[in-house]
Each structure stands twice: as C-alpha cells, then as structure tokens.
Amino acid sequence: MFAVRWEETVLAGLASVTIFVTDQDKAVDFYTNKIGLELRRDDAFGPIRWIEVGVAGGGTSIVLFPQDNPLYQEDLMREFTGLQFVTRDIKATYEELSARGVPFTQPPMQLPFGWTAVFTDEDKNQFSLLQVDAPQ
C-alpha cells in the first residue's frame, strides 16, 4: 500500500512533516507515551531543539518544532494537519488511545472509502486515524 516504486518516480519517500508545538517536552510525552510513537532524535542545532518522532518501523518522521523560535516570526500553529495515521482496527485503536488520554474530536465513523476518526494533541493539532477495510 505504501511501497516505493523506484522505476516510476524520482522521489524515494517522505522524510518528515512538521508540527508546531508550544512545549516540546509535553509534546514528546504526548506523542511517545500517549499515542506510542518512538523518539527518533532530540538534538540541539544552535538555538533550535530538533525533535523527531515516528511510527516504529516507519520511514516518515514528525518534527516537533517549537512555535516560539528565532527562525519564524509569524504564528505557525495550525489546527488540521492533514496527517493520517493508518490502523488495522480503528475501533480498538480509538479505545486504546482514548484510555491513554488522547482527546478525540470525532469518534470512528464510516465513510465511502473506509473508516476515520479525528484526535488532537495538546496544542490542538488535529490528526486522522484511517482504516480502509471494515473494522473487526
């Protein structure tokens, strides 16, 4: 489903996406302890703390970038990120993440392409869960 086809593209994959957060320590706790992503990198680059998290075994990282930083002057906080996490059993994932304290703005619902649910982090960044086949 997400395999790279080298002969058809010059791009090899998506390295990272950025989410702007107000508190990087709280964000690391949320993404690693509540939704279960792995911490891939936590380094200082000059005045910026660069943090990456991601799905274990996955290729793409999420960069938890500080909203209050010297590189940008405008408000970069967003609500809907457009990022979707794929799951095999959306109802079980919804129950597990809810029990860990992950707030959902939309419980699992069926759409023509499959099932979706929407959750937020502590900065109100919104993410979708997606299941393309029927729930268990």
Protein backbone atom coordinates (compact mmCIF):
# COMPACT_ATOMS: atom_id res chain seq x y z
CA MET A 1 0.00 0.00 0.00
CA PHE A 2 2.83 2.45 0.82
CA ALA A 3 5.66 0.82 -1.14
CA VAL A 4 8.08 2.90 -3.16
CA ARG A 5 8.22 2.12 -6.87
CA TRP A 6 11.66 3.34 -7.93
CA GLU A 7 11.12 2.88 -11.65
CA GLU A 8 8.11 5.22 -11.64
CA THR A 9 9.34 8.14 -9.54
CA VAL A 10 12.42 10.20 -8.84
CA LEU A 11 11.35 10.69 -5.23
CA ALA A 12 12.19 7.95 -2.73
CA GLY A 13 9.73 8.83 0.02
CA LEU A 14 8.68 11.45 2.54
CA ALA A 15 11.36 12.17 5.16
CA SER A 16 9.42 14.30 7.64
CA VAL A 17 6.49 16.58 8.32
CA THR A 18 6.50 19.40 10.86
CA ILE A 19 4.03 20.01 13.67
CA PHE A 20 4.38 23.27 15.60
CA VAL A 21 4.10 22.88 19.37
CA THR A 22 4.17 25.25 22.33
CA ASP A 23 6.05 22.93 24.72
CA GLN A 24 8.40 20.35 23.23
CA ASP A 25 8.72 18.31 26.43
CA LYS A 26 4.94 17.97 26.74
CA ALA A 27 4.74 17.14 23.04
CA VAL A 28 7.36 14.37 23.37
CA ASP A 29 5.38 12.91 26.27
CA PHE A 30 2.12 13.03 24.29
CA TYR A 31 3.49 11.51 21.09
CA THR A 32 5.61 8.81 22.75
CA ASN A 33 3.59 7.86 25.84
CA LYS A 34 0.02 8.51 24.72
CA ILE A 35 -0.01 7.55 21.05
CA GLY A 36 3.02 5.26 21.15
CA LEU A 37 5.42 6.77 18.62
CA GLU A 38 9.15 6.26 19.03
CA LEU A 39 11.55 9.10 19.80
CA ARG A 40 14.00 9.17 16.89
CA ARG A 41 16.00 12.32 17.53
CA ASP A 42 16.39 15.00 20.18
CA ASP A 43 19.30 17.31 19.34
CA ALA A 44 20.25 20.95 19.67
CA PHE A 45 21.06 22.83 16.48
CA GLY A 46 22.14 26.28 17.58
CA PRO A 47 19.12 27.89 19.22
CA ILE A 48 16.71 25.19 18.00
CA ARG A 49 15.92 21.88 19.68
CA TRP A 50 15.23 19.41 16.86
CA ILE A 51 12.92 16.56 17.89
CA GLU A 52 11.65 13.78 15.64
CA VAL A 53 9.15 11.05 16.48
CA GLY A 54 7.64 8.38 14.26
CA VAL A 55 5.85 5.09 13.93
CA ALA A 56 8.19 2.22 14.81
CA GLY A 57 9.47 0.73 11.57
CA GLY A 58 8.01 3.58 9.52
CA GLY A 59 10.05 5.87 7.34
CA THR A 60 8.49 9.30 7.85
CA SER A 61 9.25 11.33 10.97
CA ILE A 62 7.17 14.03 12.62
CA VAL A 63 9.26 17.02 13.64
CA LEU A 64 8.01 18.63 16.87
CA PHE A 65 9.11 22.17 16.14
CA PRO A 66 8.87 24.96 18.72
CA GLN A 67 6.24 27.59 17.92
CA ASP A 68 8.26 30.21 19.79
CA ASN A 69 11.57 30.11 17.93
CA PRO A 70 14.05 32.54 16.40
CA LEU A 71 13.60 31.28 12.83
CA TYR A 72 9.98 32.33 12.30
CA GLN A 73 8.15 35.47 13.39
CA GLU A 74 4.60 34.57 12.35
CA ASP A 75 2.08 32.37 14.13
CA LEU A 76 2.60 28.91 12.66
CA MET A 77 0.14 26.98 14.81
CA ARG A 78 -2.45 25.12 12.74
CA GLU A 79 -5.43 23.04 13.60
CA PHE A 80 -5.96 20.40 10.92
CA THR A 81 -2.59 19.00 9.89
CA GLY A 82 -3.83 16.76 7.09
CA LEU A 83 -1.78 13.89 8.56
CA GLN A 84 -3.40 10.48 8.72
CA PHE A 85 -2.24 7.53 10.80
CA VAL A 86 -3.23 4.18 9.32
CA THR A 87 -4.59 1.47 11.61
CA ARG A 88 -5.86 -2.05 11.02
CA ASP A 89 -8.62 -1.84 13.65
CA ILE A 90 -9.88 1.70 14.12
CA LYS A 91 -12.32 0.85 16.91
CA ALA A 92 -9.65 -0.88 19.01
CA THR A 93 -7.14 1.92 18.32
CA TYR A 94 -9.74 4.55 19.26
CA GLU A 95 -10.47 2.74 22.55
CA GLU A 96 -6.76 2.31 23.39
CA LEU A 97 -5.79 5.91 22.61
CA SER A 98 -8.84 7.27 24.43
CA ALA A 99 -7.88 5.24 27.51
CA ARG A 100 -4.40 6.82 27.36
CA GLY A 101 -5.97 10.29 27.46
CA VAL A 102 -5.81 11.17 23.77
CA PRO A 103 -8.70 13.56 23.06
CA PHE A 104 -10.88 12.74 20.05
CA THR A 105 -12.99 15.36 18.30
CA GLN A 106 -14.63 12.72 16.12
CA PRO A 107 -15.12 9.08 17.07
CA PRO A 108 -14.82 6.39 14.39
CA MET A 109 -17.27 6.87 11.58
CA GLN A 110 -17.74 5.08 8.30
CA LEU A 111 -17.20 6.94 5.05
CA PRO A 112 -17.37 5.63 1.46
CA PHE A 113 -13.60 4.87 1.44
CA GLY A 114 -13.42 3.25 4.88
CA TRP A 115 -13.36 4.43 8.49
CA THR A 116 -11.94 7.60 10.03
CA ALA A 117 -11.63 9.28 13.43
CA VAL A 118 -10.01 12.59 14.45
CA PHE A 119 -7.83 13.28 17.52
CA THR A 120 -5.86 16.26 18.76
CA ASP A 121 -2.61 16.85 20.60
CA GLU A 122 -2.21 19.32 23.47
CA ASP A 123 -1.73 22.20 21.01
CA LYS A 124 -4.99 21.37 19.18
CA ASN A 125 -3.18 19.99 16.13
CA GLN A 126 -5.69 17.58 14.55
CA PHE A 127 -4.84 14.18 13.08
CA SER A 128 -6.91 11.48 11.44
CA LEU A 129 -6.95 7.76 12.03
CA LEU A 130 -7.74 5.85 8.86
CA GLN A 131 -8.85 2.30 8.23
CA VAL A 132 -9.63 1.38 4.65
CA ASP A 133 -11.20 -2.01 5.30
CA ALA A 134 -14.15 -2.96 7.52
CA PRO A 135 -13.47 -2.81 11.30
CA GLN A 136 -13.14 -6.03 13.21
